[in-house]
C-alpha atoms as a PDB file:
ATOM      1  CA  MET A   1     105.563  42.987 141.563  1.00  0.00           C
ATOM      2  CA  ARG A   2     105.199  42.627 145.321  1.00  0.00           C
ATOM      3  CA  LYS A   3     108.175  44.295 146.961  1.00  0.00           C
ATOM      4  CA  ALA A   4     110.201  42.742 149.773  1.00  0.00           C
ATOM      5  CA  ARG A   5     108.916  44.044 153.096  1.00  0.00           C
ATOM      6  CA  ILE A   6     111.686  45.510 155.228  1.00  0.00           C
ATOM      7  CA  ALA A   7     111.983  46.237 158.944  1.00  0.00           C
ATOM      8  CA  VAL A   8     114.730  48.578 160.128  1.00  0.00           C
ATOM      9  CA  LEU A   9     115.935  48.206 163.729  1.00  0.00           C
ATOM     10  CA  VAL A  10     117.368  51.342 165.338  1.00  0.00           C
ATOM     11  CA  SER A  11     118.569  52.715 168.669  1.00  0.00           C
ATOM     12  CA  GLY A  12     119.381  56.368 168.077  1.00  0.00           C
ATOM     13  CA  GLY A  13     119.230  59.211 165.584  1.00  0.00           C
ATOM     14  CA  GLY A  14     118.565  57.103 162.531  1.00  0.00           C
ATOM     15  CA  THR A  15     120.933  58.613 159.959  1.00  0.00           C
ATOM     16  CA  ASN A  16     121.386  55.224 158.270  1.00  0.00           C
ATOM     17  CA  LEU A  17     117.623  54.732 158.317  1.00  0.00           C
ATOM     18  CA  GLN A  18     117.321  58.119 156.610  1.00  0.00           C
ATOM     19  CA  ALA A  19     119.756  57.006 153.909  1.00  0.00           C
ATOM     20  CA  ILE A  20     117.502  54.018 153.176  1.00  0.00           C
ATOM     21  CA  LEU A  21     114.346  56.147 153.194  1.00  0.00           C
ATOM     22  CA  ASP A  22     115.986  58.695 150.882  1.00  0.00           C
ATOM     23  CA  ALA A  23     117.073  55.941 148.494  1.00  0.00           C
ATOM     24  CA  GLN A  24     113.539  54.585 148.509  1.00  0.00           C
ATOM     25  CA  ALA A  25     112.066  58.028 147.773  1.00  0.00           C
ATOM     26  CA  ALA A  26     114.561  58.460 144.908  1.00  0.00           C
ATOM     27  CA  GLY A  27     113.500  55.185 143.303  1.00  0.00           C
ATOM     28  CA  LYS A  28     116.763  53.425 144.151  1.00  0.00           C
ATOM     29  CA  LEU A  29     115.010  50.651 146.074  1.00  0.00           C
ATOM     30  CA  PRO A  30     112.722  49.215 143.377  1.00  0.00           C
ATOM     31  CA  HIS A  31     112.503  45.747 144.941  1.00  0.00           C
ATOM     32  CA  GLY A  32     112.082  46.739 148.603  1.00  0.00           C
ATOM     33  CA  GLN A  33     109.752  48.738 150.833  1.00  0.00           C
ATOM     34  CA  VAL A  34     110.443  49.850 154.406  1.00  0.00           C
ATOM     35  CA  ALA A  35     107.301  48.704 156.202  1.00  0.00           C
ATOM     36  CA  LEU A  36     108.352  48.990 159.863  1.00  0.00           C
ATOM     37  CA  VAL A  37     110.914  50.758 162.051  1.00  0.00           C
ATOM     38  CA  VAL A  38     111.553  49.309 165.514  1.00  0.00           C
ATOM     39  CA  SER A  39     113.538  51.061 168.242  1.00  0.00           C
ATOM     40  CA  ASN A  40     114.804  49.419 171.407  1.00  0.00           C
ATOM     41  CA  ARG A  41     115.102  52.868 173.025  1.00  0.00           C
ATOM     42  CA  THR A  42     112.204  55.107 173.952  1.00  0.00           C
ATOM     43  CA  GLY A  43     112.291  58.487 172.249  1.00  0.00           C
ATOM     44  CA  ALA A  44     114.912  57.610 169.605  1.00  0.00           C
ATOM     45  CA  TYR A  45     114.855  60.296 166.915  1.00  0.00           C
ATOM     46  CA  ALA A  46     114.852  57.573 164.268  1.00  0.00           C
ATOM     47  CA  LEU A  47     111.181  57.007 165.132  1.00  0.00           C
ATOM     48  CA  GLU A  48     110.417  60.575 164.073  1.00  0.00           C
ATOM     49  CA  ARG A  49     112.223  59.991 160.777  1.00  0.00           C
ATOM     50  CA  ALA A  50     110.054  56.921 160.213  1.00  0.00           C
ATOM     51  CA  ARG A  51     106.817  58.751 160.952  1.00  0.00           C
ATOM     52  CA  ALA A  52     107.827  61.650 158.693  1.00  0.00           C
ATOM     53  CA  ALA A  53     108.228  59.143 155.860  1.00  0.00           C
ATOM     54  CA  GLY A  54     104.864  57.538 156.588  1.00  0.00           C
ATOM     55  CA  VAL A  55     106.404  54.342 157.964  1.00  0.00           C
ATOM     56  CA  GLU A  56     104.994  52.570 161.015  1.00  0.00           C
ATOM     57  CA  ALA A  57     107.209  53.141 164.071  1.00  0.00           C
ATOM     58  CA  LEU A  58     107.302  50.859 167.089  1.00  0.00           C
ATOM     59  CA  THR A  59     109.203  50.922 170.397  1.00  0.00           C
ATOM     60  CA  LEU A  60     110.154  47.653 172.093  1.00  0.00           C
ATOM     61  CA  THR A  61     112.492  47.849 175.078  1.00  0.00           C
ATOM     62  CA  ARG A  62     114.075  44.938 176.898  1.00  0.00           C
ATOM     63  CA  LYS A  63     112.832  46.340 180.196  1.00  0.00           C
ATOM     64  CA  ALA A  64     109.218  46.551 179.039  1.00  0.00           C
ATOM     65  CA  CYS A  65     109.453  43.092 177.469  1.00  0.00           C
ATOM     66  CA  GLY A  66     110.972  41.465 180.563  1.00  0.00           C
ATOM     67  CA  GLY A  67     114.474  40.902 179.192  1.00  0.00           C
ATOM     68  CA  GLN A  68     116.165  39.819 175.985  1.00  0.00           C
ATOM     69  CA  ALA A  69     114.029  36.718 175.443  1.00  0.00           C
ATOM     70  CA  GLY A  70     110.844  38.721 175.871  1.00  0.00           C
ATOM     71  CA  PHE A  71     112.168  41.431 173.553  1.00  0.00           C
ATOM     72  CA  GLU A  72     112.981  38.931 170.820  1.00  0.00           C
ATOM     73  CA  ALA A  73     109.614  37.218 171.234  1.00  0.00           C
ATOM     74  CA  ALA A  74     107.788  40.546 170.886  1.00  0.00           C
ATOM     75  CA  LEU A  75     109.975  41.489 167.914  1.00  0.00           C
ATOM     76  CA  THR A  76     109.305  38.155 166.212  1.00  0.00           C
ATOM     77  CA  GLU A  77     105.582  38.640 166.693  1.00  0.00           C
ATOM     78  CA  ALA A  78     105.707  42.185 165.280  1.00  0.00           C
ATOM     79  CA  LEU A  79     107.714  41.072 162.237  1.00  0.00           C
ATOM     80  CA  ALA A  80     105.408  38.149 161.513  1.00  0.00           C
ATOM     81  CA  ALA A  81     102.263  40.275 161.853  1.00  0.00           C
ATOM     82  CA  ARG A  82     103.571  42.637 159.168  1.00  0.00           C
ATOM     83  CA  GLY A  83     104.952  40.031 156.786  1.00  0.00           C
ATOM     84  CA  ILE A  84     108.535  41.252 157.122  1.00  0.00           C
ATOM     85  CA  GLU A  85     111.057  39.472 154.895  1.00  0.00           C
ATOM     86  CA  LEU A  86     114.263  41.431 155.519  1.00  0.00           C
ATOM     87  CA  ILE A  87     115.691  42.988 158.693  1.00  0.00           C
ATOM     88  CA  VAL A  88     118.194  45.847 158.575  1.00  0.00           C
ATOM     89  CA  LEU A  89     120.188  46.824 161.660  1.00  0.00           C
ATOM     90  CA  ALA A  90     120.907  50.546 161.309  1.00  0.00           C
ATOM     91  CA  GLY A  91     122.649  51.769 164.443  1.00  0.00           C
ATOM     92  CA  PHE A  92     120.933  49.068 166.494  1.00  0.00           C
ATOM     93  CA  LEU A  93     122.925  48.781 169.721  1.00  0.00           C
ATOM     94  CA  SER A  94     121.800  45.382 170.924  1.00  0.00           C
ATOM     95  CA  ILE A  95     123.168  41.916 170.182  1.00  0.00           C
ATOM     96  CA  LEU A  96     120.555  39.506 168.851  1.00  0.00           C
ATOM     97  CA  SER A  97     120.696  35.918 170.087  1.00  0.00           C
ATOM     98  CA  GLU A  98     121.874  32.946 168.036  1.00  0.00           C
ATOM     99  CA  GLU A  99     118.344  31.560 168.275  1.00  0.00           C
ATOM    100  CA  PHE A 100     116.902  34.705 166.680  1.00  0.00           C
ATOM    101  CA  THR A 101     119.532  35.184 163.963  1.00  0.00           C
ATOM    102  CA  GLY A 102     119.343  31.494 163.106  1.00  0.00           C
ATOM    103  CA  ARG A 103     115.730  31.958 162.028  1.00  0.00           C
ATOM    104  CA  TRP A 104     116.753  34.645 159.528  1.00  0.00           C
ATOM    105  CA  PRO A 105     119.671  33.230 157.501  1.00  0.00           C
ATOM    106  CA  ARG A 106     120.965  35.803 154.984  1.00  0.00           C
ATOM    107  CA  ARG A 107     117.980  37.992 155.803  1.00  0.00           C
ATOM    108  CA  ILE A 108     119.501  40.306 158.443  1.00  0.00           C
ATOM    109  CA  LEU A 109     121.873  43.070 157.337  1.00  0.00           C
ATOM    110  CA  ASN A 110     124.127  45.255 159.467  1.00  0.00           C
ATOM    111  CA  VAL A 111     126.344  48.223 158.676  1.00  0.00           C
ATOM    112  CA  HIS A 112     129.547  48.517 160.717  1.00  0.00           C
ATOM    113  CA  PRO A 113     131.782  51.622 160.681  1.00  0.00           C
ATOM    114  CA  SER A 114     135.106  49.906 159.923  1.00  0.00           C
ATOM    115  CA  LEU A 115     136.671  47.619 157.362  1.00  0.00           C
ATOM    116  CA  ILE A 116     135.899  44.268 158.978  1.00  0.00           C
ATOM    117  CA  PRO A 117     137.842  42.408 160.389  1.00  0.00           C
ATOM    118  CA  ALA A 118     139.468  45.574 161.759  1.00  0.00           C
ATOM    119  CA  PHE A 119     137.912  47.203 164.844  1.00  0.00           C
ATOM    120  CA  CYS A 120     134.873  44.959 165.060  1.00  0.00           C
ATOM    121  CA  GLY A 121     133.177  42.482 167.383  1.00  0.00           C
ATOM    122  CA  ALA A 122     131.922  42.861 170.938  1.00  0.00           C
ATOM    123  CA  GLY A 123     132.470  46.343 172.351  1.00  0.00           C
ATOM    124  CA  PHE A 124     133.158  48.022 169.022  1.00  0.00           C
ATOM    125  CA  TYR A 125     130.282  50.312 168.112  1.00  0.00           C
ATOM    126  CA  GLY A 126     129.639  53.976 167.349  1.00  0.00           C
ATOM    127  CA  LEU A 127     132.413  56.389 168.282  1.00  0.00           C
ATOM    128  CA  LYS A 128     134.386  53.595 169.992  1.00  0.00           C
ATOM    129  CA  VAL A 129     135.271  52.223 166.550  1.00  0.00           C
ATOM    130  CA  HIS A 130     136.645  55.554 165.323  1.00  0.00           C
ATOM    131  CA  GLU A 131     138.484  56.195 168.590  1.00  0.00           C
ATOM    132  CA  ALA A 132     140.208  52.827 168.201  1.00  0.00           C
ATOM    133  CA  ALA A 133     141.147  53.502 164.570  1.00  0.00           C
ATOM    134  CA  LEU A 134     142.697  56.879 165.452  1.00  0.00           C
ATOM    135  CA  GLU A 135     144.480  55.454 168.487  1.00  0.00           C
ATOM    136  CA  ARG A 136     145.991  52.684 166.353  1.00  0.00           C
ATOM    137  CA  GLY A 137     147.162  55.213 163.774  1.00  0.00           C
ATOM    138  CA  VAL A 138     145.726  53.520 160.689  1.00  0.00           C
ATOM    139  CA  LYS A 139     145.645  55.615 157.521  1.00  0.00           C
ATOM    140  CA  VAL A 140     142.489  54.087 156.035  1.00  0.00           C
ATOM    141  CA  THR A 141     139.221  53.041 157.635  1.00  0.00           C
ATOM    142  CA  GLY A 142     135.750  52.667 156.119  1.00  0.00           C
ATOM    143  CA  ALA A 143     132.490  50.786 156.473  1.00  0.00           C
ATOM    144  CA  THR A 144     131.203  47.273 155.906  1.00  0.00           C
ATOM    145  CA  VAL A 145     127.725  45.928 155.216  1.00  0.00           C
ATOM    146  CA  HIS A 146     127.414  42.269 156.128  1.00  0.00           C
ATOM    147  CA  PHE A 147     124.907  39.549 156.854  1.00  0.00           C
ATOM    148  CA  VAL A 148     124.258  38.965 160.558  1.00  0.00           C
ATOM    149  CA  ASN A 149     124.862  35.634 162.248  1.00  0.00           C
ATOM    150  CA  GLU A 150     125.465  34.517 165.818  1.00  0.00           C
ATOM    151  CA  ILE A 151     128.941  36.142 165.934  1.00  0.00           C
ATOM    152  CA  PRO A 152     128.999  39.940 166.402  1.00  0.00           C
ATOM    153  CA  ASP A 153     130.176  41.420 163.068  1.00  0.00           C
ATOM    154  CA  GLY A 154     131.008  37.884 161.948  1.00  0.00           C
ATOM    155  CA  GLY A 155     128.623  37.335 159.033  1.00  0.00           C
ATOM    156  CA  GLU A 156     129.452  37.234 155.326  1.00  0.00           C
ATOM    157  CA  ILE A 157     130.593  40.588 153.925  1.00  0.00           C
ATOM    158  CA  ILE A 158     128.427  42.095 151.166  1.00  0.00           C
ATOM    159  CA  TYR A 159     130.064  45.476 150.510  1.00  0.00           C
ATOM    160  CA  GLN A 160     133.014  47.446 151.855  1.00  0.00           C
ATOM    161  CA  LYS A 161     134.247  50.945 151.094  1.00  0.00           C
ATOM    162  CA  ALA A 162     137.475  52.543 152.247  1.00  0.00           C
ATOM    163  CA  VAL A 163     137.658  56.065 153.685  1.00  0.00           C
ATOM    164  CA  ARG A 164     140.934  57.932 154.225  1.00  0.00           C
ATOM    165  CA  ILE A 165     141.802  59.272 157.646  1.00  0.00           C
ATOM    166  CA  GLN A 166     142.917  62.914 157.529  1.00  0.00           C
ATOM    167  CA  PRO A 167     145.446  64.710 159.760  1.00  0.00           C
ATOM    168  CA  GLY A 168     143.707  66.254 162.741  1.00  0.00           C
ATOM    169  CA  ASP A 169     140.657  63.992 162.565  1.00  0.00           C
ATOM    170  CA  THR A 170     138.654  63.625 165.770  1.00  0.00           C
ATOM    171  CA  PRO A 171     136.432  60.582 166.315  1.00  0.00           C
ATOM    172  CA  GLU A 172     133.382  62.757 165.604  1.00  0.00           C
ATOM    173  CA  VAL A 173     134.778  64.183 162.355  1.00  0.00           C
ATOM    174  CA  LEU A 174     135.885  60.736 161.199  1.00  0.00           C
ATOM    175  CA  GLN A 175     132.508  59.232 162.088  1.00  0.00           C
ATOM    176  CA  ARG A 176     130.741  61.792 159.913  1.00  0.00           C
ATOM    177  CA  ARG A 177     133.083  61.217 156.960  1.00  0.00           C
ATOM    178  CA  VAL A 178     132.649  57.437 157.161  1.00  0.00           C
ATOM    179  CA  MET A 179     128.882  57.880 157.226  1.00  0.00           C
ATOM    180  CA  GLU A 180     128.814  60.265 154.265  1.00  0.00           C
ATOM    181  CA  GLN A 181     131.377  58.497 152.088  1.00  0.00           C
ATOM    182  CA  ALA A 182     130.619  54.869 152.921  1.00  0.00           C
ATOM    183  CA  GLU A 183     127.715  53.912 155.198  1.00  0.00           C
ATOM    184  CA  TRP A 184     125.008  55.968 153.493  1.00  0.00           C
ATOM    185  CA  LYS A 185     126.099  54.689 150.071  1.00  0.00           C
ATOM    186  CA  LEU A 186     126.649  51.009 150.862  1.00  0.00           C
ATOM    187  CA  LEU A 187     123.624  50.283 153.017  1.00  0.00           C
ATOM    188  CA  PRO A 188     120.884  51.205 150.504  1.00  0.00           C
ATOM    189  CA  ARG A 189     122.784  49.274 147.797  1.00  0.00           C
ATOM    190  CA  ALA A 190     122.890  46.178 149.978  1.00  0.00           C
ATOM    191  CA  VAL A 191     119.221  46.514 150.918  1.00  0.00           C
ATOM    192  CA  GLU A 192     118.272  46.619 147.239  1.00  0.00           C
ATOM    193  CA  LEU A 193     120.563  43.689 146.425  1.00  0.00           C
ATOM    194  CA  VAL A 194     118.958  41.414 149.011  1.00  0.00           C
ATOM    195  CA  SER A 195     115.432  42.712 148.310  1.00  0.00           C
ATOM    196  CA  ARG A 196     115.911  41.783 144.652  1.00  0.00           C
ATOM    197  CA  GLU A 197     117.044  38.311 145.712  1.00  0.00           C
ATOM    198  CA  ILE A 198     113.948  37.910 147.909  1.00  0.00           C
ATOM    199  CA  VAL A 199     111.599  38.905 145.067  1.00  0.00           C
ATOM    200  CA  ARG A 200     113.389  36.569 142.640  1.00  0.00           C
ATOM    201  CA  GLU A 201     113.259  33.699 145.143  1.00  0.00           C
ATOM    202  CA  ARG A 202     109.570  34.301 145.759  1.00  0.00           C
ATOM    203  CA  LYS A 203     108.829  34.177 142.032  1.00  0.00           C
ATOM    204  CA  GLY A 204     110.799  30.964 141.689  1.00  0.00           C
ATOM    205  CA  ASN A 205     108.701  29.314 144.390  1.00  0.00           C
ATOM    206  CA  GLN A 206     105.356  30.203 142.803  1.00  0.00           C
END
């Protein structure tokens, strides 16, 4: 069986990337293989995680590519050259254009640190999401894995998991709990789900 070839797009430390790599190493990703990690920020630690796992790591910045259009053109070329079939946004802090996402229907996944539709959309990312949840006083938050379309955090939901907010939580403490209890569990499951669909679809077209 030829596994679905996966590219993971990152901007920072790569903890969600690590969750996928760990799942792969544990045999929990039987239909997928991480073949490429792309960072839009020079020196992102996620690139070191990729190299440690023997995965090709690539840096593409908007500045070096001459803007968003140049970045997406270079990214498209890199994905095509490696036969990528599934894109995973794992802490990728850049909005992809409608033109780009439209070429990958139901083939781009994102993990968002809230229960969409709460605390999502433009401007809600990273600690900002958890700050907003604590400021609002909600008792339950969580994470969502969804398909990516032209609307930020607007694609079809695949998985969600709730996480309780505890008295005295700071944004940093809450962020860690949401990662451990939800993001790192849901994302590998979703990657395997879609990878399996890709392999099945490929077989059906033979």
